[in-house]
Protein backbone atom coordinates (compact mmCIF):
# COMPACT_ATOMS: atom_id res chain seq x y z
CA MET A 1 -5.12 24.38 -99.80
CA LYS A 2 -2.79 21.27 -100.88
CA PHE A 3 -4.65 17.78 -100.93
CA SER A 4 -2.87 16.92 -97.89
CA HIS A 5 -4.42 19.92 -96.07
CA ILE A 6 -8.15 19.08 -97.63
CA ALA A 7 -8.19 15.43 -96.32
CA SER A 8 -6.89 16.89 -92.76
CA ALA A 9 -9.85 19.18 -92.49
CA ALA A 10 -12.16 16.18 -93.66
CA ALA A 11 -10.44 13.90 -91.22
CA LEU A 12 -10.74 16.90 -88.95
CA ALA A 13 -14.81 16.91 -89.28
CA ALA A 14 -15.42 13.63 -89.12
CA TRP A 15 -13.48 13.39 -86.09
CA LEU A 16 -15.32 16.53 -84.37
CA ALA A 17 -18.68 14.78 -85.64
CA SER A 18 -17.85 11.83 -83.46
CA GLY A 19 -18.10 14.12 -80.43
CA SER A 20 -13.75 13.41 -79.19
CA ALA A 21 -12.01 16.49 -78.34
CA TRP A 22 -9.31 14.53 -76.55
CA ALA A 23 -7.03 11.29 -77.76
CA ASP A 24 -8.95 8.15 -77.74
CA GLY A 25 -9.31 6.74 -74.60
CA HIS A 26 -10.67 8.42 -71.30
CA TYR A 27 -7.71 8.49 -68.76
CA VAL A 28 -6.32 12.15 -69.27
CA PRO A 29 -2.86 12.25 -68.42
CA GLY A 30 -1.36 14.79 -66.07
CA VAL A 31 -3.60 13.96 -63.12
CA GLU A 32 -0.90 11.52 -61.45
CA GLY A 33 2.52 13.27 -60.67
CA LEU A 34 4.55 12.52 -57.32
CA GLN A 35 4.32 9.18 -55.46
CA GLY A 36 1.50 8.33 -58.26
CA ALA A 37 2.05 5.10 -57.56
CA SER A 38 1.58 5.20 -53.46
CA VAL A 39 -2.22 4.48 -52.25
CA PRO A 40 -3.36 5.41 -48.75
CA GLY A 41 -3.93 3.54 -45.71
CA PRO A 42 -7.65 2.47 -44.49
CA GLY A 43 -10.03 5.19 -44.46
CA VAL A 44 -12.26 7.22 -47.23
CA TYR A 45 -10.63 9.84 -49.66
CA TYR A 46 -11.63 12.21 -51.74
CA LEU A 47 -9.30 13.82 -54.45
CA GLY A 48 -10.53 16.39 -56.37
CA TYR A 49 -8.13 17.66 -59.58
CA LEU A 50 -8.96 20.42 -61.31
CA VAL A 51 -7.56 20.48 -65.02
CA ASN A 52 -6.95 22.90 -67.48
CA TYR A 53 -5.87 21.66 -70.98
CA ASN A 54 -5.47 24.52 -73.60
CA ILE A 55 -5.06 23.15 -77.09
CA ASP A 56 -2.19 25.18 -78.87
CA SER A 57 -2.69 22.96 -82.73
CA LEU A 58 -4.11 19.75 -84.21
CA ARG A 59 -1.35 17.35 -85.56
CA ALA A 60 -2.85 15.96 -88.75
CA PRO A 61 -4.05 12.12 -88.93
CA GLY A 62 -1.00 10.00 -89.48
CA SER A 63 1.39 13.08 -89.22
CA SER A 64 3.61 15.17 -86.60
CA ALA A 65 2.66 18.43 -88.41
CA ASP A 66 0.32 20.52 -87.53
CA ILE A 67 -3.27 21.11 -89.47
CA PRO A 68 -3.10 24.76 -90.58
CA GLY A 69 -5.55 27.72 -89.70
CA HIS A 70 -6.30 28.54 -86.27
CA ASN A 71 -7.42 25.37 -84.49
CA THR A 72 -7.59 25.68 -80.58
CA GLY A 73 -9.47 24.88 -77.95
CA THR A 74 -9.88 25.05 -74.05
CA VAL A 75 -11.09 22.00 -71.64
CA THR A 76 -11.39 22.60 -67.81
CA ALA A 77 -12.63 19.56 -66.11
CA LEU A 78 -13.16 19.04 -61.94
CA ALA A 79 -12.22 15.06 -61.97
CA ASN A 80 -14.22 14.14 -58.45
CA ARG A 81 -12.51 11.01 -57.17
CA LEU A 82 -13.83 9.01 -54.01
CA VAL A 83 -11.52 6.29 -52.66
CA TRP A 84 -12.58 4.00 -49.94
CA MET A 85 -9.47 1.75 -48.78
CA THR A 86 -11.84 -0.73 -46.68
CA GLY A 87 -9.09 -2.17 -44.31
CA HIS A 88 -8.79 -5.59 -45.59
CA LYS A 89 -6.52 -7.29 -47.16
CA LEU A 90 -6.55 -9.29 -50.55
CA LEU A 91 -3.44 -11.05 -52.40
CA GLY A 92 -1.20 -8.97 -49.12
CA ALA A 93 -2.43 -5.69 -50.01
CA ASP A 94 -4.42 -3.13 -48.68
CA TYR A 95 -8.01 -3.60 -50.34
CA GLY A 96 -10.05 -0.65 -51.53
CA MET A 97 -12.70 0.73 -54.53
CA GLU A 98 -13.23 3.99 -55.87
CA THR A 99 -15.26 5.87 -58.73
CA ILE A 100 -14.22 9.28 -60.68
CA ILE A 101 -17.36 11.57 -61.47
CA PRO A 102 -15.79 14.63 -63.85
CA VAL A 103 -17.46 17.63 -64.57
CA MET A 104 -16.49 19.02 -67.60
CA ARG A 105 -16.46 22.49 -69.95
CA THR A 106 -14.92 22.45 -73.19
CA SER A 107 -14.88 25.26 -75.91
CA LEU A 108 -13.25 24.66 -79.02
CA THR A 109 -12.68 26.57 -82.07
CA PHE A 110 -11.37 24.63 -85.34
CA ASN A 111 -11.14 27.24 -88.40
CA ALA A 112 -10.34 23.77 -90.69
CA ALA A 113 -13.60 22.26 -90.34
CA GLY A 114 -15.59 25.38 -89.63
CA ILE A 115 -16.45 24.77 -85.81
CA SER A 116 -16.66 26.55 -82.74
CA ASP A 117 -18.64 24.72 -79.84
CA SER A 118 -18.68 25.32 -76.34
CA ARG A 119 -20.73 22.79 -73.47
CA SER A 120 -20.81 22.33 -70.23
CA ASP A 121 -21.68 18.80 -68.61
CA VAL A 122 -20.97 15.72 -66.39
CA GLY A 123 -18.39 13.53 -68.10
CA ASP A 124 -17.94 9.68 -68.18
CA VAL A 125 -18.14 8.06 -64.92
CA TYR A 126 -15.23 5.68 -63.88
CA VAL A 127 -16.29 2.82 -61.55
CA GLY A 128 -13.64 0.84 -59.94
CA PRO A 129 -14.28 -1.96 -57.57
CA LEU A 130 -10.73 -2.97 -57.37
CA VAL A 131 -7.57 -0.74 -55.87
CA LEU A 132 -5.03 -2.98 -54.39
CA GLY A 133 -2.05 -1.48 -52.34
CA TRP A 134 1.34 -2.74 -51.10
CA HIS A 135 3.49 -0.66 -48.77
CA GLY A 136 7.46 -1.78 -48.13
CA PRO A 137 10.22 -0.53 -45.93
CA GLN A 138 11.13 1.77 -49.40
CA TRP A 139 8.56 1.40 -51.59
CA ASP A 140 4.70 1.58 -52.52
CA ALA A 141 3.31 -0.35 -55.41
CA VAL A 142 -0.48 -0.22 -56.80
CA ALA A 143 -2.63 -2.34 -58.80
CA ALA A 144 -6.50 -1.61 -59.59
CA ALA A 145 -9.05 -2.35 -62.42
CA GLY A 146 -12.45 -0.63 -63.18
CA LEU A 147 -14.53 0.83 -66.37
CA TRP A 148 -15.37 3.76 -68.13
CA LEU A 149 -18.68 3.83 -68.67
CA ASP A 150 -20.08 6.11 -71.71
CA ASN A 151 -23.06 7.78 -69.75
CA ALA A 152 -22.34 11.15 -71.09
CA SER A 153 -23.55 12.55 -74.46
CA ASP A 154 -21.44 12.74 -77.29
CA ARG A 155 -23.08 14.09 -79.77
CA HIS A 156 -21.22 17.83 -80.51
CA PRO A 157 -18.55 18.21 -81.08
CA ALA A 158 -17.56 19.83 -77.67
CA SER A 159 -19.26 17.20 -75.52
CA ALA A 160 -18.37 15.57 -72.36
CA GLY A 161 -18.75 11.75 -73.14
CA LYS A 162 -16.61 9.01 -75.57
CA GLY A 163 -19.35 7.25 -77.06
CA PHE A 164 -17.86 4.38 -75.56
CA LYS A 165 -16.85 2.39 -72.84
CA SER A 166 -13.74 1.57 -71.59
CA THR A 167 -12.12 -1.27 -69.10
CA MET A 168 -8.97 0.39 -67.70
CA LEU A 169 -5.66 -1.63 -65.86
CA THR A 170 -3.50 0.01 -63.57
CA GLY A 171 -0.43 -0.81 -62.44
CA GLY A 172 2.54 1.38 -60.66
CA LEU A 173 5.70 1.81 -58.25
CA THR A 174 7.06 4.30 -56.09
CA TYR A 175 10.56 3.89 -55.21
CA TYR A 176 12.16 5.72 -51.94
CA PHE A 177 15.90 5.95 -52.62
CA ASP A 178 16.64 6.79 -48.56
CA GLY A 179 15.21 5.39 -45.39
CA ALA A 180 13.91 8.99 -44.51
CA LYS A 181 11.74 8.56 -47.83
CA THR A 182 12.75 12.02 -48.80
CA LEU A 183 14.15 11.79 -52.32
CA SER A 184 11.48 9.68 -54.31
CA GLY A 185 10.76 8.15 -58.23
CA SER A 186 7.26 6.79 -59.15
CA ALA A 187 5.81 5.29 -62.66
CA LEU A 188 2.32 4.87 -62.85
CA ALA A 189 0.87 2.76 -66.16
CA ARG A 190 -3.12 2.66 -67.25
CA TYR A 191 -3.87 0.22 -70.15
CA GLU A 192 -7.54 1.42 -71.85
CA PHE A 193 -9.37 -1.51 -73.79
CA ASN A 194 -11.87 0.59 -76.25
CA SER A 195 -14.92 -0.97 -77.12
CA LYS A 196 -16.79 0.16 -80.30
CA LYS A 197 -18.64 3.32 -80.90
CA ASP A 198 -22.72 3.79 -81.92
CA GLY A 199 -20.93 4.34 -85.42
CA GLY A 200 -18.85 1.11 -85.68
CA PHE A 201 -15.60 2.73 -84.95
CA ARG A 202 -13.37 1.43 -82.45
CA PRO A 203 -10.44 3.26 -81.05
CA GLY A 204 -7.37 1.19 -81.01
CA GLN A 205 -5.87 0.17 -77.41
CA GLN A 206 -4.40 3.09 -75.13
CA LEU A 207 -1.20 3.32 -72.90
CA THR A 208 -0.73 6.12 -70.43
CA LEU A 209 2.66 6.42 -68.45
CA GLU A 210 3.00 8.98 -65.93
CA TRP A 211 6.24 9.41 -63.99
CA GLY A 212 7.53 11.87 -61.34
CA LEU A 213 11.07 12.29 -59.38
CA GLY A 214 10.50 14.32 -56.07
CA LYS A 215 12.28 15.68 -53.01
CA SER A 216 10.93 16.41 -49.98
CA PHE A 217 12.12 19.99 -48.35
CA GLY A 218 10.72 20.08 -45.00
CA SER A 219 7.11 21.11 -45.21
CA PHE A 220 6.69 20.49 -49.00
CA SER A 221 7.69 18.43 -51.90
CA ALA A 222 8.50 19.77 -55.55
CA GLY A 223 9.95 17.69 -58.32
CA ALA A 224 10.10 16.79 -62.23
CA VAL A 225 6.94 14.93 -63.44
CA GLY A 226 6.09 13.81 -67.29
CA TYR A 227 3.24 11.93 -69.13
CA SER A 228 3.44 9.54 -72.16
CA GLN A 229 0.45 8.32 -74.13
CA TRP A 230 0.68 5.58 -77.31
CA GLN A 231 -1.90 4.06 -78.72
CA THR A 232 -1.06 0.69 -79.01
CA SER A 233 -3.35 -0.97 -81.77
CA ASN A 234 -4.98 0.15 -84.75
CA ASP A 235 -8.52 2.00 -84.66
CA LYS A 236 -11.15 -0.38 -86.39
CA GLY A 237 -14.28 0.45 -88.37
CA PRO A 238 -15.02 3.60 -90.81
CA GLY A 239 -12.19 5.80 -91.26
CA ALA A 240 -9.85 3.37 -89.68
CA THR A 241 -6.11 3.37 -90.83
CA ASP A 242 -3.12 1.80 -89.46
CA ASP A 243 -2.24 4.75 -87.64
CA ARG A 244 -1.81 5.14 -83.86
CA ALA A 245 -1.53 8.34 -81.82
CA ARG A 246 0.90 9.39 -79.46
CA ARG A 247 2.24 12.28 -77.59
CA HIS A 248 4.61 13.00 -74.39
CA ALA A 249 4.93 16.21 -71.90
CA LEU A 250 7.34 17.23 -69.62
CA GLY A 251 6.41 19.35 -66.63
CA ALA A 252 7.01 20.38 -62.53
CA GLU A 253 4.98 19.75 -59.41
CA VAL A 254 4.61 21.26 -56.26
CA VAL A 255 3.43 19.11 -53.13
CA TYR A 256 1.79 21.09 -49.95
CA PRO A 257 0.70 19.54 -46.53
CA VAL A 258 -1.97 21.34 -44.60
CA PRO A 259 -1.43 20.45 -40.91
CA GLY A 260 -3.95 19.00 -38.61
CA ALA A 261 -6.33 19.60 -41.75
CA GLY A 262 -5.77 15.77 -43.27
CA ILE A 263 -5.22 17.74 -46.44
CA PHE A 264 -2.71 17.92 -49.26
CA LEU A 265 -2.80 20.76 -51.77
CA LYS A 266 -0.79 19.78 -55.48
CA GLY A 267 0.03 21.97 -58.04
CA ALA A 268 1.77 20.90 -62.08
CA ALA A 269 2.23 22.36 -65.07
CA TYR A 270 2.83 20.30 -68.29
CA LYS A 271 4.01 21.20 -71.54
CA GLU A 272 3.70 18.34 -74.64
CA PHE A 273 6.71 18.65 -76.63
CA SER A 274 5.52 16.23 -78.98
CA ALA A 275 2.48 14.37 -80.58
CA ARG A 276 1.53 12.60 -83.49
CA GLY A 277 -2.17 11.96 -84.79
CA GLY A 278 -3.53 8.24 -85.53
CA SER A 279 -6.58 7.74 -87.46
CA GLN A 280 -7.98 10.83 -86.43
CA PRO A 281 -6.24 14.29 -85.41
CA GLN A 282 -4.53 14.48 -82.26
CA THR A 283 -3.99 17.52 -79.88
CA LYS A 284 -1.11 19.36 -78.67
CA GLY A 285 -0.88 21.58 -75.96
CA THR A 286 -0.43 22.70 -72.35
CA LEU A 287 -1.98 21.35 -68.81
CA VAL A 288 -2.43 22.89 -65.70
CA ARG A 289 -3.75 21.17 -62.77
CA LEU A 290 -4.19 21.92 -59.30
CA SER A 291 -5.09 18.96 -56.96
CA LEU A 292 -6.67 18.79 -53.55
CA VAL A 293 -6.27 15.22 -51.41
CA LYS A 294 -8.80 14.86 -47.94
CA ALA A 295 -8.74 12.49 -45.66
CA PHE A 296 -11.76 11.60 -43.80
């Protein structure tokens, strides 16, 4: 085995020992797509995101090359999101608050580091005391802020927790290209400021951009969606380098309302076509999402 491959395997082992099966940051891209920046009116809403992410390969630290060997995995999560739009106004916007409680099942087989681990648990919880939604004749906009907690365990490679807190800021815009709102374009950005882990490692800040271009066809909508994720600052602490991770994906989404039930059903599939490792290896794979939105 070449020296670079040995170094990659060593980095992978250190990364798995930290209990992180995702890129550095809490937010999972691909959960929002068409009209992702549109906030509903006053009321209480449940949003359930069932996500399955299949890891096809691992990109070596600081590289777009795969770590050799059989390195695959599956992460299945149900993110339970509750949103309360209060009916009050703040800065001219509808004011609300939210929380996200994820439940996860992770199975990893990374032969490069001799890892085989599967675990199910509640993940780190998000608390968002600030959600602002603006609505214009042909546009919607959103701004939000909140905190990802570190309540979940991160002791094992497949543990659900990240081992650090993150402050997340959100901003986005949906624009309707026609008065009937049948053709839309949206972009939703999330920016995460990550805190330090117990071992002294601090993941770099992370920007996630999700977008969608959709068309309404009577009772349902469909369109193209995608996401990009960039590490925007260097990692710090043991094992940190100046390399920054990134990944990009394209996909498609279908949205179908259930008349009279106050329910929207959404389905999307994404393929990551580019990924690069940072200080740590970076996963590359495919993501399938099923969403349910229920108004109360």
